[in-house]
């Protein structure tokens, strides 16, 4: 990427902050009902998806294109 004058743009580190605010659109009961309905619709595939989701890590690192610009996703981090 370059600036309007043709000079390369200096890489800047990504910044994150701990998530402190939460927006709840659905209640816990609503989430449970949607989950149960989705499993009914998906049948056996739903059970496989649930197994896969439960074995997924709660956080992971997304490698940056430049050294030092990796992003930690999940684990209570908020990206805006």
C-alpha atoms as a PDB file:
ATOM      1  CA  UNK A   1       0.000   0.000   0.000  1.00  0.00           C
ATOM      2  CA  UNK A   2       1.260   3.493  -0.789  1.00  0.00           C
ATOM      3  CA  UNK A   3       0.436   7.035   0.239  1.00  0.00           C
ATOM      4  CA  UNK A   4      -0.840   9.501  -2.398  1.00  0.00           C
ATOM      5  CA  UNK A   5       2.731  10.673  -3.083  1.00  0.00           C
ATOM      6  CA  UNK A   6       3.820   7.120  -3.925  1.00  0.00           C
ATOM      7  CA  UNK A   7       5.700   6.505  -0.649  1.00  0.00           C
ATOM      8  CA  UNK A   8       5.070   3.168   1.066  1.00  0.00           C
ATOM      9  CA  UNK A   9       2.764   3.330   4.069  1.00  0.00           C
ATOM     10  CA  UNK A  10       4.536   2.431   7.304  1.00  0.00           C
ATOM     11  CA  UNK A  11       3.097  -0.643   9.014  1.00  0.00           C
ATOM     12  CA  UNK A  12       1.294   0.140  12.252  1.00  0.00           C
ATOM     13  CA  UNK A  13       0.562  -2.405  14.968  1.00  0.00           C
ATOM     14  CA  UNK A  14      -3.015  -3.467  15.567  1.00  0.00           C
ATOM     15  CA  UNK A  15      -4.408  -2.520  18.962  1.00  0.00           C
ATOM     16  CA  UNK A  16      -6.942  -4.458  20.988  1.00  0.00           C
ATOM     17  CA  UNK A  17      -8.686  -3.863  24.254  1.00  0.00           C
ATOM     18  CA  UNK A  18     -10.302  -6.194  26.766  1.00  0.00           C
ATOM     19  CA  UNK A  19     -14.040  -6.427  26.136  1.00  0.00           C
ATOM     20  CA  UNK A  20     -15.868  -4.534  28.874  1.00  0.00           C
ATOM     21  CA  UNK A  21     -19.233  -3.838  27.310  1.00  0.00           C
ATOM     22  CA  UNK A  22     -21.759  -6.408  26.201  1.00  0.00           C
ATOM     23  CA  UNK A  23     -24.800  -6.057  23.996  1.00  0.00           C
ATOM     24  CA  UNK A  24     -27.412  -8.749  24.569  1.00  0.00           C
ATOM     25  CA  UNK A  25     -29.965  -8.909  21.774  1.00  0.00           C
ATOM     26  CA  UNK A  26     -31.248 -12.376  22.693  1.00  0.00           C
ATOM     27  CA  UNK A  27     -31.925 -13.803  26.127  1.00  0.00           C
ATOM     28  CA  UNK A  28     -30.239 -17.035  27.230  1.00  0.00           C
ATOM     29  CA  UNK A  29     -33.581 -18.808  26.707  1.00  0.00           C
ATOM     30  CA  UNK A  30     -33.855 -17.431  23.158  1.00  0.00           C
ATOM     31  CA  UNK A  31     -30.340 -18.650  22.368  1.00  0.00           C
ATOM     32  CA  UNK A  32     -31.166 -22.095  23.770  1.00  0.00           C
ATOM     33  CA  UNK A  33     -34.383 -22.350  21.722  1.00  0.00           C
ATOM     34  CA  UNK A  34     -32.606 -21.318  18.512  1.00  0.00           C
ATOM     35  CA  UNK A  35     -29.828 -23.824  19.201  1.00  0.00           C
ATOM     36  CA  UNK A  36     -32.312 -26.677  19.739  1.00  0.00           C
ATOM     37  CA  UNK A  37     -34.242 -25.744  16.569  1.00  0.00           C
ATOM     38  CA  UNK A  38     -31.019 -25.595  14.521  1.00  0.00           C
ATOM     39  CA  UNK A  39     -29.981 -29.051  15.732  1.00  0.00           C
ATOM     40  CA  UNK A  40     -33.404 -30.433  14.746  1.00  0.00           C
ATOM     41  CA  UNK A  41     -33.091 -28.891  11.271  1.00  0.00           C
ATOM     42  CA  UNK A  42     -29.548 -30.149  10.733  1.00  0.00           C
ATOM     43  CA  UNK A  43     -30.131 -33.644  12.089  1.00  0.00           C
ATOM     44  CA  UNK A  44     -26.960 -35.765  12.189  1.00  0.00           C
ATOM     45  CA  UNK A  45     -24.952 -32.927  10.619  1.00  0.00           C
ATOM     46  CA  UNK A  46     -25.974 -30.737  13.553  1.00  0.00           C
ATOM     47  CA  UNK A  47     -24.524 -33.229  16.014  1.00  0.00           C
ATOM     48  CA  UNK A  48     -21.255 -33.290  14.034  1.00  0.00           C
ATOM     49  CA  UNK A  49     -21.162 -29.491  13.967  1.00  0.00           C
ATOM     50  CA  UNK A  50     -21.742 -29.315  17.723  1.00  0.00           C
ATOM     51  CA  UNK A  51     -18.918 -31.799  18.326  1.00  0.00           C
ATOM     52  CA  UNK A  52     -16.584 -29.796  16.093  1.00  0.00           C
ATOM     53  CA  UNK A  53     -17.532 -26.505  17.770  1.00  0.00           C
ATOM     54  CA  UNK A  54     -16.948 -27.903  21.247  1.00  0.00           C
ATOM     55  CA  UNK A  55     -13.443 -29.024  20.278  1.00  0.00           C
ATOM     56  CA  UNK A  56     -12.485 -25.638  18.761  1.00  0.00           C
ATOM     57  CA  UNK A  57     -10.104 -23.426  20.765  1.00  0.00           C
ATOM     58  CA  UNK A  58     -11.559 -20.441  22.642  1.00  0.00           C
ATOM     59  CA  UNK A  59      -8.879 -18.205  21.134  1.00  0.00           C
ATOM     60  CA  UNK A  60      -6.266 -18.305  18.392  1.00  0.00           C
ATOM     61  CA  UNK A  61      -3.627 -16.105  16.770  1.00  0.00           C
ATOM     62  CA  UNK A  62      -4.232 -14.634  13.326  1.00  0.00           C
ATOM     63  CA  UNK A  63      -0.799 -14.164  11.770  1.00  0.00           C
ATOM     64  CA  UNK A  64      -0.035 -10.676  10.509  1.00  0.00           C
ATOM     65  CA  UNK A  65       1.632  -9.999   7.181  1.00  0.00           C
ATOM     66  CA  UNK A  66       4.492  -8.240   8.964  1.00  0.00           C
ATOM     67  CA  UNK A  67       6.407  -9.433  12.021  1.00  0.00           C
ATOM     68  CA  UNK A  68       4.862  -8.236  15.264  1.00  0.00           C
ATOM     69  CA  UNK A  69       1.381  -7.685  13.807  1.00  0.00           C
ATOM     70  CA  UNK A  70      -0.276 -10.913  14.871  1.00  0.00           C
ATOM     71  CA  UNK A  71      -3.793 -10.567  16.265  1.00  0.00           C
ATOM     72  CA  UNK A  72      -5.129 -12.609  19.176  1.00  0.00           C
ATOM     73  CA  UNK A  73      -8.778 -13.462  18.461  1.00  0.00           C
ATOM     74  CA  UNK A  74     -11.286 -14.653  21.041  1.00  0.00           C
ATOM     75  CA  UNK A  75     -10.671 -15.004  24.776  1.00  0.00           C
ATOM     76  CA  UNK A  76     -12.579 -11.856  25.715  1.00  0.00           C
ATOM     77  CA  UNK A  77     -10.820  -9.526  23.257  1.00  0.00           C
ATOM     78  CA  UNK A  78     -12.813  -6.850  21.418  1.00  0.00           C
ATOM     79  CA  UNK A  79     -12.014  -5.678  17.881  1.00  0.00           C
ATOM     80  CA  UNK A  80     -13.561  -2.512  16.460  1.00  0.00           C
END
